[in-house]
Amino acid sequence: MKDVRRFYEAPEASGRRSAPAALRNREPIADVLAEWLPNGGLVLEVASGTGEHAAFFAGRFPNLEWQPSDVHVDALGSVTALVREAALPNLREPLQIDASNSDWPIEAADALLNINMVHISPWKAAIGLLDGAERLLERGAPLILYGPWLSEAIDTAPSNLAFDADLKRRDAQWGLRKVEDFASAAEARGLSLEATRAMPANNLMLLFRKGTSATTA
């Protein structure tokens, strides 16, 4: 997957990085997660980036075990630094996971969480995320995504159109994805789009469930 380090601030001596967007969006995301996550079990976050979300959510949801992951070595270093700084009993050391590769070093999870990855990675990685959810999740378990999306049901903000164009200039394989295209690929893997939620800054959260009928709202 493409290196996305330019979206983060320069690392500290410990290797910890910071993403301004993560600090802005973590509270609104957590409010929705409080509705959508299970009461207990293991949450696998694919593409944890700096690790700031994982550390924050582990503190917010102490009844859940949090497993961060990323494909990039520098991101893993930042996540490791955050994990050790947070020193939370329910926050695990990160795993190296390439969403586009089927060889994940984990066999099961009670929920999958993915934040701001699908638009800054090849479509193959988005499909790999769905394949991973199909393998790891039990019936009724959630796959939750957050980020900027295109949708036939929602007028696209000019800022998102400009962002999409900028992403494609950086890498032809990047760009905002259509909810309908992703949902169709998910349905083929036994994952139904159960809900969408409008979020600040023209983002969306998507809730898929394994082996359930779609009731999008």
N, C-alpha and C. Protein backbone atom coordinates (compact mmCIF):
# COMPACT_ATOMS: atom_id res chain seq x y z
N MET A 1 0.83 -1.19 0.00
CA MET A 1 0.00 0.00 0.00
C MET A 1 0.87 1.25 0.00
N LYS A 2 0.35 2.33 -0.55
CA LYS A 2 1.09 3.57 -0.69
C LYS A 2 1.44 4.17 0.67
N ASP A 3 2.63 4.76 0.76
CA ASP A 3 3.05 5.43 1.99
C ASP A 3 2.22 6.71 2.17
N VAL A 4 1.64 6.89 3.36
CA VAL A 4 0.76 8.04 3.63
C VAL A 4 1.33 8.92 4.72
N ARG A 5 2.64 8.93 4.89
CA ARG A 5 3.25 9.69 5.99
C ARG A 5 3.00 11.19 5.90
N ARG A 6 2.77 11.70 4.71
CA ARG A 6 2.58 13.15 4.56
C ARG A 6 1.32 13.65 5.25
N PHE A 7 0.41 12.75 5.62
CA PHE A 7 -0.81 13.15 6.32
C PHE A 7 -0.57 13.35 7.81
N TYR A 8 0.65 13.02 8.30
CA TYR A 8 0.95 13.10 9.71
C TYR A 8 2.02 14.15 9.98
N GLU A 9 2.05 14.64 11.22
CA GLU A 9 3.12 15.54 11.62
C GLU A 9 4.40 14.76 11.83
N ALA A 10 5.53 15.45 11.86
CA ALA A 10 6.82 14.81 12.04
C ALA A 10 6.86 14.04 13.36
N PRO A 11 7.52 12.88 13.38
CA PRO A 11 7.53 12.07 14.60
C PRO A 11 8.35 12.69 15.71
N GLU A 12 7.97 12.36 16.95
CA GLU A 12 8.77 12.74 18.11
C GLU A 12 9.93 11.77 18.24
N ALA A 13 10.81 12.03 19.16
CA ALA A 13 11.98 11.17 19.36
C ALA A 13 11.57 9.73 19.68
N SER A 14 10.44 9.56 20.33
CA SER A 14 9.96 8.23 20.69
C SER A 14 9.42 7.45 19.50
N GLY A 15 9.25 8.15 18.37
CA GLY A 15 8.64 7.55 17.20
C GLY A 15 7.16 7.84 17.10
N ARG A 16 6.61 8.46 18.13
CA ARG A 16 5.19 8.79 18.13
C ARG A 16 4.90 9.88 17.10
N ARG A 17 3.83 9.68 16.34
CA ARG A 17 3.35 10.67 15.39
C ARG A 17 2.00 11.21 15.83
N SER A 18 1.61 12.31 15.21
CA SER A 18 0.30 12.88 15.52
C SER A 18 -0.39 13.28 14.23
N ALA A 19 -1.67 12.99 14.16
CA ALA A 19 -2.51 13.40 13.03
C ALA A 19 -3.56 14.37 13.54
N PRO A 20 -3.50 15.65 13.14
CA PRO A 20 -4.48 16.62 13.64
C PRO A 20 -5.92 16.16 13.45
N ALA A 21 -6.20 15.47 12.33
CA ALA A 21 -7.57 15.01 12.09
C ALA A 21 -8.03 14.02 13.15
N ALA A 22 -7.10 13.19 13.63
CA ALA A 22 -7.46 12.19 14.64
C ALA A 22 -7.91 12.86 15.93
N LEU A 23 -7.27 13.96 16.30
CA LEU A 23 -7.64 14.67 17.51
C LEU A 23 -8.98 15.37 17.35
N ARG A 24 -9.30 15.76 16.11
CA ARG A 24 -10.57 16.44 15.87
C ARG A 24 -11.75 15.47 15.82
N ASN A 25 -11.52 14.29 15.25
CA ASN A 25 -12.67 13.43 14.97
C ASN A 25 -12.88 12.31 16.00
N ARG A 26 -11.97 12.15 16.95
CA ARG A 26 -12.06 10.98 17.83
C ARG A 26 -13.31 11.00 18.71
N GLU A 27 -13.73 12.17 19.20
CA GLU A 27 -14.92 12.24 20.04
C GLU A 27 -16.19 11.91 19.25
N PRO A 28 -16.42 12.53 18.08
CA PRO A 28 -17.62 12.17 17.31
C PRO A 28 -17.63 10.70 16.91
N ILE A 29 -16.48 10.15 16.54
CA ILE A 29 -16.43 8.73 16.18
C ILE A 29 -16.77 7.87 17.39
N ALA A 30 -16.20 8.21 18.54
CA ALA A 30 -16.45 7.43 19.75
C ALA A 30 -17.93 7.44 20.13
N ASP A 31 -18.61 8.56 19.91
CA ASP A 31 -20.03 8.64 20.23
C ASP A 31 -20.83 7.62 19.41
N VAL A 32 -20.46 7.45 18.14
CA VAL A 32 -21.15 6.48 17.29
C VAL A 32 -20.73 5.06 17.66
N LEU A 33 -19.45 4.87 17.93
CA LEU A 33 -18.98 3.55 18.34
C LEU A 33 -19.71 3.06 19.59
N ALA A 34 -20.06 3.96 20.48
CA ALA A 34 -20.78 3.59 21.69
C ALA A 34 -22.12 2.93 21.35
N GLU A 35 -22.69 3.27 20.21
CA GLU A 35 -23.94 2.67 19.77
C GLU A 35 -23.71 1.38 18.99
N TRP A 36 -22.62 1.29 18.24
CA TRP A 36 -22.45 0.23 17.25
C TRP A 36 -21.56 -0.93 17.70
N LEU A 37 -20.68 -0.69 18.64
CA LEU A 37 -19.77 -1.76 19.06
C LEU A 37 -20.47 -2.74 20.00
N PRO A 38 -19.98 -3.98 20.06
CA PRO A 38 -20.52 -4.93 21.04
C PRO A 38 -20.14 -4.53 22.46
N ASN A 39 -20.76 -5.16 23.43
CA ASN A 39 -20.49 -4.83 24.83
C ASN A 39 -19.14 -5.35 25.32
N GLY A 40 -18.63 -6.37 24.67
CA GLY A 40 -17.34 -6.93 25.06
C GLY A 40 -16.71 -7.64 23.88
N GLY A 41 -15.49 -8.11 24.07
CA GLY A 41 -14.79 -8.82 23.02
C GLY A 41 -13.60 -8.05 22.48
N LEU A 42 -13.11 -8.47 21.32
CA LEU A 42 -11.91 -7.92 20.70
C LEU A 42 -12.26 -7.07 19.50
N VAL A 43 -11.78 -5.84 19.48
CA VAL A 43 -11.93 -4.95 18.33
C VAL A 43 -10.59 -4.88 17.60
N LEU A 44 -10.58 -5.26 16.34
CA LEU A 44 -9.39 -5.13 15.50
C LEU A 44 -9.51 -3.85 14.69
N GLU A 45 -8.57 -2.93 14.89
CA GLU A 45 -8.51 -1.72 14.07
C GLU A 45 -7.49 -1.95 12.97
N VAL A 46 -7.95 -1.93 11.73
CA VAL A 46 -7.08 -2.08 10.57
C VAL A 46 -6.66 -0.70 10.09
N ALA A 47 -5.35 -0.50 9.93
CA ALA A 47 -4.78 0.79 9.52
C ALA A 47 -4.92 1.82 10.64
N SER A 48 -4.22 1.58 11.74
CA SER A 48 -4.33 2.44 12.92
C SER A 48 -3.58 3.76 12.79
N GLY A 49 -2.71 3.89 11.79
CA GLY A 49 -2.02 5.16 11.59
C GLY A 49 -1.13 5.53 12.76
N THR A 50 -1.39 6.65 13.38
CA THR A 50 -0.56 7.11 14.49
C THR A 50 -0.78 6.31 15.77
N GLY A 51 -1.94 5.66 15.87
CA GLY A 51 -2.30 4.96 17.10
C GLY A 51 -3.13 5.80 18.05
N GLU A 52 -3.37 7.05 17.70
CA GLU A 52 -4.10 7.95 18.61
C GLU A 52 -5.55 7.50 18.81
N HIS A 53 -6.18 7.01 17.75
CA HIS A 53 -7.54 6.51 17.90
C HIS A 53 -7.58 5.30 18.82
N ALA A 54 -6.68 4.36 18.59
CA ALA A 54 -6.69 3.13 19.39
C ALA A 54 -6.51 3.44 20.87
N ALA A 55 -5.57 4.32 21.19
CA ALA A 55 -5.33 4.66 22.59
C ALA A 55 -6.53 5.37 23.21
N PHE A 56 -7.15 6.25 22.45
CA PHE A 56 -8.31 6.98 22.96
C PHE A 56 -9.50 6.05 23.16
N PHE A 57 -9.76 5.20 22.15
CA PHE A 57 -10.93 4.32 22.24
C PHE A 57 -10.74 3.25 23.31
N ALA A 58 -9.52 2.78 23.49
CA ALA A 58 -9.28 1.80 24.55
C ALA A 58 -9.60 2.40 25.91
N GLY A 59 -9.28 3.67 26.10
CA GLY A 59 -9.63 4.34 27.35
C GLY A 59 -11.12 4.59 27.47
N ARG A 60 -11.76 4.88 26.36
CA ARG A 60 -13.20 5.18 26.36
C ARG A 60 -14.04 3.92 26.56
N PHE A 61 -13.54 2.77 26.05
CA PHE A 61 -14.29 1.52 26.11
C PHE A 61 -13.46 0.44 26.81
N PRO A 62 -13.31 0.53 28.11
CA PRO A 62 -12.42 -0.38 28.84
C PRO A 62 -12.92 -1.82 28.87
N ASN A 63 -14.17 -2.04 28.52
CA ASN A 63 -14.72 -3.40 28.50
C ASN A 63 -14.37 -4.16 27.22
N LEU A 64 -13.74 -3.47 26.27
CA LEU A 64 -13.34 -4.07 25.01
C LEU A 64 -11.83 -4.19 24.91
N GLU A 65 -11.37 -5.26 24.30
CA GLU A 65 -9.95 -5.44 24.02
C GLU A 65 -9.65 -4.79 22.68
N TRP A 66 -8.59 -3.97 22.64
CA TRP A 66 -8.28 -3.23 21.41
C TRP A 66 -6.99 -3.75 20.78
N GLN A 67 -7.10 -4.13 19.51
CA GLN A 67 -5.94 -4.62 18.76
C GLN A 67 -5.66 -3.68 17.58
N PRO A 68 -4.69 -2.77 17.73
CA PRO A 68 -4.33 -1.91 16.60
C PRO A 68 -3.46 -2.66 15.60
N SER A 69 -3.38 -2.11 14.39
CA SER A 69 -2.53 -2.70 13.35
C SER A 69 -2.22 -1.65 12.29
N ASP A 70 -1.20 -1.92 11.51
CA ASP A 70 -0.90 -1.08 10.35
C ASP A 70 0.05 -1.86 9.46
N VAL A 71 0.21 -1.37 8.22
CA VAL A 71 1.13 -2.01 7.29
C VAL A 71 2.50 -1.34 7.31
N HIS A 72 2.55 -0.05 7.66
CA HIS A 72 3.79 0.72 7.56
C HIS A 72 4.60 0.63 8.85
N VAL A 73 5.89 0.44 8.69
CA VAL A 73 6.78 0.27 9.85
C VAL A 73 6.78 1.52 10.72
N ASP A 74 6.81 2.71 10.12
CA ASP A 74 6.85 3.93 10.93
C ASP A 74 5.54 4.13 11.69
N ALA A 75 4.43 3.71 11.08
CA ALA A 75 3.15 3.78 11.79
C ALA A 75 3.15 2.82 12.97
N LEU A 76 3.67 1.63 12.76
CA LEU A 76 3.75 0.66 13.85
C LEU A 76 4.59 1.19 15.01
N GLY A 77 5.65 1.93 14.68
CA GLY A 77 6.47 2.54 15.72
C GLY A 77 5.70 3.56 16.52
N SER A 78 4.87 4.36 15.82
CA SER A 78 4.06 5.36 16.51
C SER A 78 3.01 4.69 17.38
N VAL A 79 2.35 3.65 16.85
CA VAL A 79 1.34 2.95 17.63
C VAL A 79 1.96 2.34 18.88
N THR A 80 3.13 1.72 18.71
CA THR A 80 3.82 1.12 19.85
C THR A 80 4.11 2.15 20.93
N ALA A 81 4.58 3.33 20.51
CA ALA A 81 4.87 4.39 21.48
C ALA A 81 3.60 4.82 22.21
N LEU A 82 2.47 4.93 21.49
CA LEU A 82 1.20 5.31 22.12
C LEU A 82 0.71 4.22 23.07
N VAL A 83 0.85 2.96 22.66
CA VAL A 83 0.41 1.85 23.50
C VAL A 83 1.16 1.87 24.83
N ARG A 84 2.47 2.06 24.75
CA ARG A 84 3.28 2.03 25.97
C ARG A 84 3.04 3.27 26.82
N GLU A 85 2.78 4.39 26.19
CA GLU A 85 2.48 5.61 26.94
C GLU A 85 1.13 5.49 27.64
N ALA A 86 0.14 4.94 26.95
CA ALA A 86 -1.19 4.81 27.53
C ALA A 86 -1.22 3.79 28.66
N ALA A 87 -0.44 2.72 28.52
CA ALA A 87 -0.33 1.68 29.55
C ALA A 87 -1.71 1.18 30.01
N LEU A 88 -2.56 0.90 29.05
CA LEU A 88 -3.90 0.40 29.35
C LEU A 88 -3.93 -1.12 29.23
N PRO A 89 -4.57 -1.81 30.17
CA PRO A 89 -4.55 -3.27 30.14
C PRO A 89 -5.30 -3.87 28.96
N ASN A 90 -6.20 -3.10 28.35
CA ASN A 90 -6.98 -3.62 27.23
C ASN A 90 -6.48 -3.16 25.87
N LEU A 91 -5.28 -2.56 25.82
CA LEU A 91 -4.70 -2.07 24.56
C LEU A 91 -3.47 -2.89 24.22
N ARG A 92 -3.57 -3.65 23.14
CA ARG A 92 -2.51 -4.58 22.76
C ARG A 92 -1.42 -3.91 21.92
N GLU A 93 -0.26 -4.54 21.87
CA GLU A 93 0.80 -4.13 20.95
C GLU A 93 0.29 -4.32 19.52
N PRO A 94 0.73 -3.47 18.58
CA PRO A 94 0.17 -3.53 17.23
C PRO A 94 0.66 -4.73 16.43
N LEU A 95 -0.17 -5.14 15.48
CA LEU A 95 0.17 -6.17 14.50
C LEU A 95 0.46 -5.51 13.16
N GLN A 96 1.30 -6.13 12.36
CA GLN A 96 1.52 -5.64 11.00
C GLN A 96 0.54 -6.36 10.08
N ILE A 97 -0.39 -5.61 9.53
CA ILE A 97 -1.41 -6.16 8.64
C ILE A 97 -1.48 -5.31 7.37
N ASP A 98 -1.34 -5.98 6.25
CA ASP A 98 -1.58 -5.36 4.94
C ASP A 98 -2.97 -5.78 4.52
N ALA A 99 -3.89 -4.84 4.48
CA ALA A 99 -5.29 -5.17 4.18
C ALA A 99 -5.44 -5.84 2.83
N SER A 100 -4.54 -5.55 1.89
CA SER A 100 -4.66 -6.12 0.55
C SER A 100 -4.13 -7.54 0.46
N ASN A 101 -3.53 -8.03 1.55
CA ASN A 101 -2.96 -9.38 1.60
C ASN A 101 -3.82 -10.24 2.51
N SER A 102 -4.09 -11.46 2.11
CA SER A 102 -4.98 -12.34 2.90
C SER A 102 -4.30 -12.95 4.12
N ASP A 103 -3.00 -12.79 4.24
CA ASP A 103 -2.26 -13.42 5.34
C ASP A 103 -2.21 -12.49 6.54
N TRP A 104 -3.29 -12.47 7.33
CA TRP A 104 -3.37 -11.63 8.52
C TRP A 104 -2.96 -12.46 9.74
N PRO A 105 -2.17 -11.89 10.64
CA PRO A 105 -1.72 -12.64 11.82
C PRO A 105 -2.72 -12.66 12.96
N ILE A 106 -3.97 -12.85 12.63
CA ILE A 106 -5.05 -12.90 13.62
C ILE A 106 -6.17 -13.71 13.01
N GLU A 107 -6.83 -14.51 13.82
CA GLU A 107 -7.81 -15.46 13.28
C GLU A 107 -9.26 -15.07 13.53
N ALA A 108 -9.51 -14.21 14.50
CA ALA A 108 -10.90 -13.86 14.81
C ALA A 108 -10.95 -12.52 15.51
N ALA A 109 -12.09 -11.84 15.37
CA ALA A 109 -12.35 -10.58 16.08
C ALA A 109 -13.85 -10.45 16.27
N ASP A 110 -14.24 -9.69 17.27
CA ASP A 110 -15.65 -9.44 17.53
C ASP A 110 -16.16 -8.18 16.84
N ALA A 111 -15.23 -7.37 16.33
CA ALA A 111 -15.57 -6.18 15.54
C ALA A 111 -14.33 -5.75 14.78
N LEU A 112 -14.54 -5.19 13.60
CA LEU A 112 -13.46 -4.59 12.81
C LEU A 112 -13.75 -3.11 12.65
N LEU A 113 -12.71 -2.30 12.82
CA LEU A 113 -12.82 -0.85 12.70
C LEU A 113 -11.77 -0.36 11.73
N ASN A 114 -12.18 0.53 10.82
CA ASN A 114 -11.26 1.07 9.82
C ASN A 114 -11.56 2.54 9.62
N ILE A 115 -10.56 3.38 9.88
CA ILE A 115 -10.74 4.83 9.83
C ILE A 115 -9.80 5.44 8.80
N ASN A 116 -10.38 6.16 7.85
CA ASN A 116 -9.59 6.94 6.88
C ASN A 116 -8.52 6.13 6.15
N MET A 117 -8.89 4.94 5.68
CA MET A 117 -7.96 4.16 4.88
C MET A 117 -8.40 4.00 3.43
N VAL A 118 -9.70 3.75 3.23
CA VAL A 118 -10.17 3.28 1.93
C VAL A 118 -9.86 4.27 0.81
N HIS A 119 -9.89 5.56 1.10
CA HIS A 119 -9.66 6.56 0.05
C HIS A 119 -8.18 6.83 -0.21
N ILE A 120 -7.29 6.40 0.69
CA ILE A 120 -5.85 6.62 0.47
C ILE A 120 -5.13 5.28 0.36
N SER A 121 -5.77 4.35 -0.34
CA SER A 121 -5.18 3.06 -0.64
C SER A 121 -5.84 2.54 -1.91
N PRO A 122 -5.21 1.58 -2.59
CA PRO A 122 -5.84 1.01 -3.78
C PRO A 122 -7.14 0.30 -3.45
N TRP A 123 -8.00 0.19 -4.44
CA TRP A 123 -9.27 -0.52 -4.26
C TRP A 123 -9.03 -1.94 -3.78
N LYS A 124 -7.90 -2.52 -4.17
CA LYS A 124 -7.55 -3.86 -3.72
C LYS A 124 -7.51 -3.94 -2.20
N ALA A 125 -7.07 -2.88 -1.53
CA ALA A 125 -7.02 -2.87 -0.08
C ALA A 125 -8.43 -2.82 0.52
N ALA A 126 -9.33 -2.07 -0.13
CA ALA A 126 -10.72 -2.03 0.33
C ALA A 126 -11.36 -3.41 0.23
N ILE A 127 -11.12 -4.09 -0.88
CA ILE A 127 -11.64 -5.44 -1.06
C ILE A 127 -11.00 -6.39 -0.05
N GLY A 128 -9.70 -6.20 0.20
CA GLY A 128 -9.01 -7.03 1.19
C GLY A 128 -9.58 -6.84 2.58
N LEU A 129 -9.99 -5.62 2.89
CA LEU A 129 -10.62 -5.36 4.18
C LEU A 129 -11.92 -6.15 4.31
N LEU A 130 -12.70 -6.19 3.24
CA LEU A 130 -13.94 -6.95 3.24
C LEU A 130 -13.67 -8.45 3.35
N ASP A 131 -12.65 -8.91 2.63
CA ASP A 131 -12.28 -10.32 2.72
C ASP A 131 -11.86 -10.68 4.15
N GLY A 132 -11.12 -9.77 4.79
CA GLY A 132 -10.71 -10.01 6.17
C GLY A 132 -11.89 -10.07 7.11
N ALA A 133 -12.86 -9.17 6.90
CA ALA A 133 -14.06 -9.18 7.73
C ALA A 133 -14.84 -10.48 7.54
N GLU A 134 -14.90 -10.95 6.31
CA GLU A 134 -15.59 -12.21 6.04
C GLU A 134 -14.92 -13.37 6.78
N ARG A 135 -13.59 -13.36 6.82
CA ARG A 135 -12.86 -14.45 7.48
C ARG A 135 -12.96 -14.38 9.00
N LEU A 136 -12.83 -13.17 9.57
CA LEU A 136 -12.64 -13.03 11.01
C LEU A 136 -13.92 -12.90 11.81
N LEU A 137 -14.96 -12.33 11.22
CA LEU A 137 -16.15 -12.00 12.00
C LEU A 137 -17.15 -13.15 12.06
N GLU A 138 -17.78 -13.28 13.21
CA GLU A 138 -18.89 -14.21 13.36
C GLU A 138 -20.19 -13.52 12.93
N ARG A 139 -21.22 -14.29 12.75
CA ARG A 139 -22.52 -13.75 12.35
C ARG A 139 -22.98 -12.65 13.32
N GLY A 140 -23.39 -11.53 12.78
CA GLY A 140 -23.89 -10.41 13.57
C GLY A 140 -22.83 -9.43 14.02
N ALA A 141 -21.56 -9.77 13.82
CA ALA A 141 -20.47 -8.88 14.25
C ALA A 141 -20.32 -7.70 13.27
N PRO A 142 -19.90 -6.53 13.78
CA PRO A 142 -19.85 -5.34 12.94
C PRO A 142 -18.50 -5.08 12.28
N LEU A 143 -18.58 -4.55 11.08
CA LEU A 143 -17.46 -3.89 10.40
C LEU A 143 -17.84 -2.42 10.31
N ILE A 144 -17.01 -1.55 10.90
CA ILE A 144 -17.33 -0.13 10.99
C ILE A 144 -16.24 0.68 10.28
N LEU A 145 -16.67 1.59 9.41
CA LEU A 145 -15.73 2.44 8.68
C LEU A 145 -16.09 3.90 8.87
N TYR A 146 -15.04 4.72 8.81
CA TYR A 146 -15.21 6.17 8.89
C TYR A 146 -14.34 6.81 7.83
N GLY A 147 -14.85 7.86 7.20
CA GLY A 147 -14.04 8.61 6.25
C GLY A 147 -14.91 9.37 5.27
N PRO A 148 -14.29 10.01 4.28
CA PRO A 148 -15.05 10.69 3.23
C PRO A 148 -15.49 9.68 2.16
N TRP A 149 -16.74 9.73 1.79
CA TRP A 149 -17.30 8.82 0.79
C TRP A 149 -18.13 9.59 -0.21
N LEU A 150 -18.34 8.99 -1.36
CA LEU A 150 -19.32 9.46 -2.32
C LEU A 150 -20.55 8.58 -2.19
N SER A 151 -21.73 9.17 -2.41
CA SER A 151 -22.96 8.40 -2.30
C SER A 151 -24.01 8.98 -3.22
N GLU A 152 -24.76 8.08 -3.87
CA GLU A 152 -25.86 8.53 -4.73
C GLU A 152 -26.96 9.20 -3.91
N ALA A 153 -27.01 8.91 -2.62
CA ALA A 153 -28.08 9.43 -1.77
C ALA A 153 -27.73 10.77 -1.13
N ILE A 154 -26.49 11.20 -1.27
CA ILE A 154 -26.03 12.41 -0.59
C ILE A 154 -25.31 13.32 -1.59
N ASP A 155 -25.65 14.59 -1.60
CA ASP A 155 -24.93 15.55 -2.44
C ASP A 155 -23.48 15.66 -1.96
N THR A 156 -22.55 15.58 -2.89
CA THR A 156 -21.14 15.63 -2.53
C THR A 156 -20.71 17.08 -2.31
N ALA A 157 -20.10 17.34 -1.17
CA ALA A 157 -19.62 18.68 -0.85
C ALA A 157 -18.49 19.07 -1.80
N PRO A 158 -18.42 20.33 -2.22
CA PRO A 158 -17.32 20.78 -3.09
C PRO A 158 -15.95 20.46 -2.50
N SER A 159 -15.82 20.55 -1.18
CA SER A 159 -14.52 20.25 -0.56
C SER A 159 -14.14 18.79 -0.76
N ASN A 160 -15.12 17.88 -0.75
CA ASN A 160 -14.83 16.47 -0.99
C ASN A 160 -14.47 16.21 -2.44
N LEU A 161 -15.10 16.92 -3.37
CA LEU A 161 -14.73 16.79 -4.77
C LEU A 161 -13.30 17.26 -5.00
N ALA A 162 -12.93 18.37 -4.36
CA ALA A 162 -11.56 18.87 -4.48
C ALA A 162 -10.57 17.90 -3.84
N PHE A 163 -10.94 17.32 -2.70
CA PHE A 163 -10.09 16.34 -2.04
C PHE A 163 -9.90 15.11 -2.91
N ASP A 164 -10.96 14.66 -3.54
CA ASP A 164 -10.90 13.51 -4.43
C ASP A 164 -9.93 13.77 -5.58
N ALA A 165 -10.04 14.94 -6.18
CA ALA A 165 -9.15 15.29 -7.29
C ALA A 165 -7.69 15.35 -6.84
N ASP A 166 -7.47 15.90 -5.65
CA ASP A 166 -6.11 15.99 -5.11
C ASP A 166 -5.53 14.60 -4.84
N LEU A 167 -6.34 13.71 -4.27
CA LEU A 167 -5.88 12.35 -4.01
C LEU A 167 -5.48 11.65 -5.30
N LYS A 168 -6.28 11.81 -6.34
CA LYS A 168 -6.00 11.15 -7.62
C LYS A 168 -4.76 11.73 -8.29
N ARG A 169 -4.49 13.01 -8.03
CA ARG A 169 -3.24 13.59 -8.55
C ARG A 169 -2.02 12.97 -7.85
N ARG A 170 -2.17 12.69 -6.57
CA ARG A 170 -1.06 12.10 -5.81
C ARG A 170 -0.82 10.65 -6.22
N ASP A 171 -1.91 9.91 -6.43
CA ASP A 171 -1.79 8.51 -6.80
C ASP A 171 -3.06 8.12 -7.54
N ALA A 172 -2.91 7.59 -8.74
CA ALA A 172 -4.06 7.26 -9.57
C ALA A 172 -4.94 6.18 -8.95
N GLN A 173 -4.41 5.41 -7.99
CA GLN A 173 -5.18 4.35 -7.36
C GLN A 173 -5.97 4.83 -6.14
N TRP A 174 -5.75 6.10 -5.75
CA TRP A 174 -6.47 6.66 -4.61
C TRP A 174 -7.74 7.34 -5.09
N GLY A 175 -8.55 7.77 -4.14
CA GLY A 175 -9.74 8.54 -4.45
C GLY A 175 -10.91 8.12 -3.58
N LEU A 176 -11.88 9.03 -3.45
CA LEU A 176 -13.08 8.72 -2.67
C LEU A 176 -13.87 7.61 -3.35
N ARG A 177 -14.36 6.67 -2.55
CA ARG A 177 -15.10 5.53 -3.09
C ARG A 177 -16.60 5.75 -2.92
N LYS A 178 -17.37 5.11 -3.79
CA LYS A 178 -18.83 5.17 -3.69
C LYS A 178 -19.32 4.16 -2.67
N VAL A 179 -20.16 4.63 -1.79
CA VAL A 179 -20.75 3.74 -0.79
C VAL A 179 -21.42 2.55 -1.46
N GLU A 180 -22.12 2.81 -2.57
CA GLU A 180 -22.86 1.75 -3.25
C GLU A 180 -21.94 0.68 -3.81
N ASP A 181 -20.78 1.08 -4.34
CA ASP A 181 -19.82 0.11 -4.86
C ASP A 181 -19.25 -0.75 -3.74
N PHE A 182 -18.92 -0.11 -2.63
CA PHE A 182 -18.36 -0.83 -1.50
C PHE A 182 -19.41 -1.76 -0.89
N ALA A 183 -20.63 -1.28 -0.79
CA ALA A 183 -21.70 -2.10 -0.21
C ALA A 183 -22.00 -3.31 -1.08
N SER A 184 -21.92 -3.15 -2.40
CA SER A 184 -22.14 -4.27 -3.31
C SER A 184 -21.06 -5.33 -3.13
N ALA A 185 -19.81 -4.88 -3.02
CA ALA A 185 -18.70 -5.82 -2.80
C ALA A 185 -18.84 -6.49 -1.43
N ALA A 186 -19.32 -5.75 -0.44
CA ALA A 186 -19.52 -6.31 0.90
C ALA A 186 -20.62 -7.36 0.89
N GLU A 187 -21.71 -7.06 0.20
CA GLU A 187 -22.84 -7.99 0.14
C GLU A 187 -22.42 -9.34 -0.44
N ALA A 188 -21.52 -9.30 -1.43
CA ALA A 188 -21.03 -10.54 -2.03
C ALA A 188 -20.22 -11.37 -1.05
N ARG A 189 -19.81 -10.76 0.05
CA ARG A 189 -19.02 -11.45 1.08
C ARG A 189 -19.81 -11.66 2.36
N GLY A 190 -21.13 -11.54 2.26
CA GLY A 190 -21.99 -11.81 3.41
C GLY A 190 -22.05 -10.69 4.43
N LEU A 191 -21.70 -9.46 4.00
CA LEU A 191 -21.71 -8.29 4.89
C LEU A 191 -22.73 -7.29 4.38
N SER A 192 -23.72 -6.99 5.19
CA SER A 192 -24.80 -6.09 4.77
C SER A 192 -24.65 -4.72 5.39
N LEU A 193 -24.88 -3.69 4.59
CA LEU A 193 -24.86 -2.32 5.09
C LEU A 193 -26.11 -2.08 5.92
N GLU A 194 -25.92 -1.91 7.22
CA GLU A 194 -27.04 -1.75 8.14
C GLU A 194 -27.37 -0.29 8.42
N ALA A 195 -26.36 0.58 8.44
CA ALA A 195 -26.61 1.98 8.78
C ALA A 195 -25.51 2.87 8.23
N THR A 196 -25.87 4.10 7.93
CA THR A 196 -24.90 5.14 7.61
C THR A 196 -25.16 6.31 8.55
N ARG A 197 -24.12 7.03 8.88
CA ARG A 197 -24.26 8.16 9.80
C ARG A 197 -23.44 9.34 9.27
N ALA A 198 -24.10 10.46 9.06
CA ALA A 198 -23.39 11.68 8.66
C ALA A 198 -22.55 12.18 9.82
N MET A 199 -21.31 12.56 9.50
CA MET A 199 -20.35 12.99 10.51
C MET A 199 -19.83 14.39 10.17
N PRO A 200 -19.17 15.05 11.12
CA PRO A 200 -18.61 16.38 10.83
C PRO A 200 -17.63 16.35 9.66
N ALA A 201 -17.43 17.50 9.06
CA ALA A 201 -16.48 17.70 7.96
C ALA A 201 -16.80 16.82 6.75
N ASN A 202 -18.10 16.59 6.51
CA ASN A 202 -18.57 15.86 5.34
C ASN A 202 -18.05 14.42 5.26
N ASN A 203 -17.89 13.79 6.41
CA ASN A 203 -17.51 12.38 6.46
C ASN A 203 -18.74 11.53 6.77
N LEU A 204 -18.58 10.22 6.60
CA LEU A 204 -19.63 9.27 6.92
C LEU A 204 -19.06 8.15 7.77
N MET A 205 -19.91 7.56 8.60
CA MET A 205 -19.60 6.28 9.22
C MET A 205 -20.55 5.25 8.65
N LEU A 206 -20.02 4.08 8.33
CA LEU A 206 -20.77 2.99 7.74
C LEU A 206 -20.74 1.80 8.68
N LEU A 207 -21.89 1.18 8.89
CA LEU A 207 -21.98 -0.01 9.72
C LEU A 207 -22.43 -1.18 8.87
N PHE A 208 -21.56 -2.19 8.76
CA PHE A 208 -21.89 -3.44 8.10
C PHE A 208 -21.98 -4.53 9.16
N ARG A 209 -22.81 -5.53 8.93
CA ARG A 209 -22.86 -6.68 9.82
C ARG A 209 -22.74 -7.97 9.02
N LYS A 210 -22.10 -8.92 9.63
CA LYS A 210 -21.89 -10.22 9.00
C LYS A 210 -23.18 -11.03 9.05
N GLY A 211 -23.64 -11.45 7.87
CA GLY A 211 -24.74 -12.39 7.81
C GLY A 211 -26.06 -11.88 8.24
N THR A 212 -26.35 -10.58 8.01
CA THR A 212 -27.65 -10.01 8.36
C THR A 212 -28.23 -9.32 7.15
N SER A 213 -29.50 -9.03 7.17
CA SER A 213 -30.17 -8.34 6.05
C SER A 213 -29.95 -6.85 6.18
N ALA A 214 -29.79 -6.17 5.06
CA ALA A 214 -29.54 -4.73 5.06
C ALA A 214 -30.80 -3.96 5.42
N THR A 215 -30.65 -2.98 6.31
CA THR A 215 -31.73 -2.06 6.66
C THR A 215 -31.12 -0.67 6.81
N THR A 216 -30.59 -0.15 5.70
CA THR A 216 -29.83 1.09 5.74
C THR A 216 -30.69 2.25 6.23
N ALA A 217 -30.12 3.05 7.16
CA ALA A 217 -30.84 4.20 7.69
C ALA A 217 -29.86 5.32 7.99
